[in-house]
Protein backbone atom coordinates (compact mmCIF):
# COMPACT_ATOMS: atom_id res chain seq x y z
CA UNK A 1 64.49 -20.97 36.82
CA UNK A 2 62.67 -21.11 33.82
CA UNK A 3 60.53 -24.20 35.49
CA UNK A 4 59.79 -21.43 37.24
CA UNK A 5 58.21 -18.78 33.85
CA UNK A 6 56.77 -21.42 32.38
CA UNK A 7 54.50 -22.10 34.96
CA UNK A 8 54.05 -18.55 36.10
CA UNK A 9 53.84 -18.21 32.25
CA UNK A 10 51.31 -20.73 31.90
CA UNK A 11 49.05 -18.98 34.55
CA UNK A 12 48.67 -15.96 33.66
CA UNK A 13 48.20 -17.17 29.97
CA UNK A 14 45.05 -20.05 31.58
CA UNK A 15 43.89 -16.92 34.16
CA UNK A 16 44.07 -14.07 31.07
CA UNK A 17 41.90 -16.98 27.94
CA UNK A 18 39.11 -17.32 31.60
CA UNK A 19 38.98 -13.57 32.17
CA UNK A 20 38.35 -13.11 27.94
CA UNK A 21 35.57 -16.61 28.06
CA UNK A 22 33.99 -14.83 31.87
CA UNK A 23 34.24 -11.51 30.09
CA UNK A 24 32.74 -12.91 26.80
CA UNK A 25 29.39 -15.01 28.76
CA UNK A 26 28.97 -12.17 30.52
CA UNK A 27 28.79 -10.39 27.37
CA UNK A 28 26.29 -12.65 25.96
CA UNK A 29 23.96 -12.80 28.41
CA UNK A 30 23.62 -9.27 28.85
CA UNK A 31 22.83 -9.02 24.96
CA UNK A 32 20.45 -11.95 26.29
CA UNK A 33 18.83 -10.18 29.43
CA UNK A 34 18.11 -7.61 26.61
CA UNK A 35 16.95 -9.11 23.86
CA UNK A 36 14.80 -10.46 26.75
CA UNK A 37 13.16 -7.75 27.69
CA UNK A 38 12.64 -5.36 24.66
CA UNK A 39 10.68 -8.54 23.66
CA UNK A 40 8.61 -8.48 26.37
CA UNK A 41 7.80 -4.30 26.56
CA UNK A 42 7.25 -5.29 23.16
CA UNK A 43 5.16 -7.74 23.89
CA UNK A 44 2.77 -5.48 26.94
CA UNK A 45 1.87 -2.57 23.32
CA UNK A 46 0.24 -5.52 21.54
CA UNK A 47 -1.05 -6.59 24.44
CA UNK A 48 -3.28 -3.13 23.96
CA UNK A 49 -3.99 -3.84 20.29
CA UNK A 50 -6.39 -5.98 20.21
CA UNK A 51 -7.01 -4.60 15.91
CA UNK A 52 -5.44 -2.33 14.33
CA UNK A 53 -6.45 -0.45 10.43
CA UNK A 54 -4.21 2.02 8.10
CA UNK A 55 -3.81 3.46 5.09
CA UNK A 56 -0.33 2.78 3.35
CA UNK A 57 2.73 4.11 1.34
CA UNK A 58 5.19 1.72 0.45
CA UNK A 59 8.82 2.10 -1.32
CA UNK A 60 10.43 -1.15 -1.71
CA UNK A 61 14.31 -0.60 -2.55
CA UNK A 62 17.12 -3.60 -2.96
CA UNK A 63 20.47 -4.59 -1.00
CA UNK A 64 21.66 -1.39 -2.00
CA UNK A 65 19.37 1.22 -1.90
CA UNK A 66 18.27 1.88 -4.94
CA UNK A 67 14.50 2.18 -5.17
CA UNK A 68 12.25 -0.81 -6.58
CA UNK A 69 8.56 0.14 -6.52
CA UNK A 70 6.10 2.46 -4.99
CA UNK A 71 2.73 1.67 -3.66
CA UNK A 72 -0.43 1.55 -1.09
CA UNK A 73 -3.00 0.50 0.07
CA UNK A 74 -4.84 -0.38 3.07
CA UNK A 75 -5.03 -3.20 5.83
CA UNK A 76 -7.08 -3.93 9.05
CA UNK A 77 -6.04 -6.55 11.32
CA UNK A 78 -6.80 -8.41 13.99
CA UNK A 79 -6.26 -10.74 17.19
CA UNK A 80 -6.27 -13.66 17.15
CA UNK A 81 -4.24 -14.59 13.22
CA UNK A 82 -7.13 -12.85 11.05
CA UNK A 83 -5.35 -9.91 8.61
CA UNK A 84 -7.38 -7.75 5.54
CA UNK A 85 -4.71 -6.81 3.10
CA UNK A 86 -5.57 -4.77 -0.17
CA UNK A 87 -3.02 -3.42 -2.21
CA UNK A 88 -4.59 -1.07 -4.91
CA UNK A 89 -1.35 0.58 -6.43
CA UNK A 90 0.79 -0.21 -8.53
CA UNK A 91 -1.16 -3.56 -9.11
CA UNK A 92 -4.48 -4.70 -7.11
CA UNK A 93 -4.25 -7.89 -4.67
CA UNK A 94 -5.63 -8.86 -2.14
CA UNK A 95 -4.20 -11.22 0.82
CA UNK A 96 -6.46 -12.04 3.59
CA UNK A 97 -6.01 -14.56 6.75
CA UNK A 98 -9.04 -16.41 8.66
CA UNK A 99 -7.24 -17.55 11.46
CA UNK A 100 -6.74 -20.89 9.75
CA UNK A 101 -5.63 -20.15 5.60
CA UNK A 102 -3.76 -17.82 3.64
CA UNK A 103 -5.84 -16.39 1.00
CA UNK A 104 -3.53 -13.79 -2.31
CA UNK A 105 -6.29 -12.88 -4.56
CA UNK A 106 -4.14 -11.92 -7.87
CA UNK A 107 -7.80 -10.54 -10.25
CA UNK A 108 -5.61 -9.97 -12.32
CA UNK A 109 -4.54 -13.12 -13.40
CA UNK A 110 -7.21 -14.44 -11.44
CA UNK A 111 -5.63 -16.76 -9.32
CA UNK A 112 -6.15 -17.80 -5.68
CA UNK A 113 -3.21 -19.14 -3.87
CA UNK A 114 -4.95 -20.47 -0.31
CA UNK A 115 -1.80 -21.64 2.36
CA UNK A 116 -2.64 -22.72 5.66
CA UNK A 117 -1.98 -20.45 8.56
CA UNK A 118 0.27 -22.18 10.60
CA UNK A 119 3.52 -22.33 7.76
CA UNK A 120 2.71 -18.80 6.24
CA UNK A 121 3.27 -16.50 10.02
CA UNK A 122 7.46 -16.64 9.15
CA UNK A 123 5.99 -15.04 6.21
CA UNK A 124 3.91 -12.55 6.44
CA UNK A 125 5.42 -11.61 9.76
CA UNK A 126 3.03 -8.73 10.39
CA UNK A 127 0.51 -11.22 11.82
CA UNK A 128 3.02 -11.25 14.48
CA UNK A 129 1.59 -8.39 15.84
CA UNK A 130 -2.09 -10.35 15.89
CA UNK A 131 -0.58 -13.88 17.27
CA UNK A 132 0.29 -14.66 21.42
CA UNK A 133 1.36 -18.49 20.46
CA UNK A 134 4.06 -18.44 22.72
CA UNK A 135 6.15 -21.32 19.82
CA UNK A 136 5.59 -18.23 17.07
CA UNK A 137 7.29 -15.92 19.19
CA UNK A 138 10.41 -18.31 20.07
CA UNK A 139 11.74 -18.15 15.79
CA UNK A 140 11.94 -14.44 16.56
CA UNK A 141 14.40 -12.22 18.35
CA UNK A 142 13.93 -8.53 19.67
CA UNK A 143 16.64 -5.65 19.62
CA UNK A 144 15.71 -2.45 21.01
CA UNK A 145 16.69 0.02 18.69
CA UNK A 146 14.90 3.54 20.03
CA UNK A 147 13.11 4.72 22.96
CA UNK A 148 9.98 3.61 20.23
CA UNK A 149 10.91 0.97 17.89
CA UNK A 150 11.62 -2.44 17.74
CA UNK A 151 13.39 -5.03 14.91
CA UNK A 152 11.97 -8.01 15.28
CA UNK A 153 14.86 -11.14 13.95
CA UNK A 154 14.34 -14.42 12.53
CA UNK A 155 16.19 -17.24 14.01
CA UNK A 156 16.32 -19.18 11.82
CA UNK A 157 18.95 -18.23 8.85
CA UNK A 158 17.21 -20.23 6.21
CA UNK A 159 14.20 -17.47 7.20
CA UNK A 160 12.37 -15.83 4.20
CA UNK A 161 11.92 -12.92 5.94
CA UNK A 162 14.74 -12.02 7.99
CA UNK A 163 13.55 -8.55 9.18
CA UNK A 164 10.98 -6.59 10.94
CA UNK A 165 11.06 -4.28 11.87
CA UNK A 166 8.16 -1.72 14.27
CA UNK A 167 7.56 2.35 15.18
CA UNK A 168 5.45 2.81 17.09
CA UNK A 169 4.51 7.01 18.39
CA UNK A 170 2.21 6.67 21.59
CA UNK A 171 1.30 3.16 22.00
CA UNK A 172 0.14 3.40 18.13
CA UNK A 173 1.63 1.72 14.98
CA UNK A 174 2.79 4.38 12.93
CA UNK A 175 5.15 2.71 10.40
CA UNK A 176 7.00 -0.80 9.52
CA UNK A 177 9.67 -2.45 7.25
CA UNK A 178 10.61 -5.91 6.61
CA UNK A 179 14.18 -7.40 4.76
CA UNK A 180 13.47 -10.21 2.74
CA UNK A 181 16.77 -12.88 2.77
CA UNK A 182 17.78 -11.26 -0.85
CA UNK A 183 18.27 -8.44 1.56
CA UNK A 184 15.51 -6.62 -0.24
CA UNK A 185 13.77 -4.44 1.59
CA UNK A 186 10.39 -2.93 2.00
CA UNK A 187 8.58 -0.16 4.46
CA UNK A 188 5.22 1.37 5.04
CA UNK A 189 4.58 4.18 6.41
CA UNK A 190 0.73 4.99 7.63
CA UNK A 191 -1.71 7.17 7.55
CA UNK A 192 -5.02 7.52 9.21
CA UNK A 193 -4.80 4.68 11.39
CA UNK A 194 -7.17 2.94 14.56
CA UNK A 195 -6.68 0.95 17.23
CA UNK A 196 -9.59 -0.87 18.67
CA UNK A 197 -12.32 -0.03 16.13
CA UNK A 198 -15.59 -1.96 14.99
CA UNK A 199 -14.43 -4.27 12.94
CA UNK A 200 -17.20 -6.49 10.52
CA UNK A 201 -16.58 -10.58 10.77
CA UNK A 202 -16.81 -11.23 7.06
CA UNK A 203 -14.00 -8.66 6.75
CA UNK A 204 -11.68 -11.88 8.00
CA UNK A 205 -14.15 -14.64 5.27
CA UNK A 206 -13.25 -14.66 1.94
CA UNK A 207 -14.57 -16.31 -1.36
CA UNK A 208 -12.86 -17.78 -4.50
CA UNK A 209 -14.66 -15.53 -6.90
CA UNK A 210 -16.82 -17.51 -10.15
CA UNK A 211 -14.37 -18.30 -12.03
CA UNK A 212 -10.75 -17.76 -10.82
CA UNK A 213 -8.47 -20.33 -10.39
CA UNK A 214 -7.29 -21.88 -6.87
CA UNK A 215 -4.36 -22.86 -6.19
CA UNK A 216 -4.89 -25.03 -3.80
CA UNK A 217 -2.11 -25.87 -1.71
CA UNK A 218 -3.28 -26.67 1.87
């Protein structure tokens, strides 16, 4: 009788374990499906964006939500992998991607830094909006937070930029936030957004100004 009870108990325990595993797998498959759906939806929205320009106001808060800094500026981005980003306050600086090199110009210290774009996109996630590269998108998971809001999360646990949140209104980007590895969050609110307007090609070219030091990391 005891042997029968032990066998029955083992069968029931195994059955519960299998059901738990099956349920866990179903949950993971459901999450994966939701991620794929969200990524497909986001990329469908971005596929309609050939270029985008806007003014921005920025605030940076620490992991506890304390305001560290405020700023403002404007930017223009275009496909493929082109960016002109101008910060005006609190200090002037320029970031330009010409599709191959990412240029960072700090006029205050009179220095330009140049980085290969291929290794810089992970730290400049706004360029995801201009890229159709499958290998790049595979480095991120996408979650739909609200009707028109998406979280783009880095798969790499060591990534310096952990998360990019994008908020759209009528398929036009209205704001976005970037969370770095320390938990510091930069939030950008956009104004005067222009979608698929004419842009000048020289907007995405950069020449090192005379007398400025070049830190070439390419």
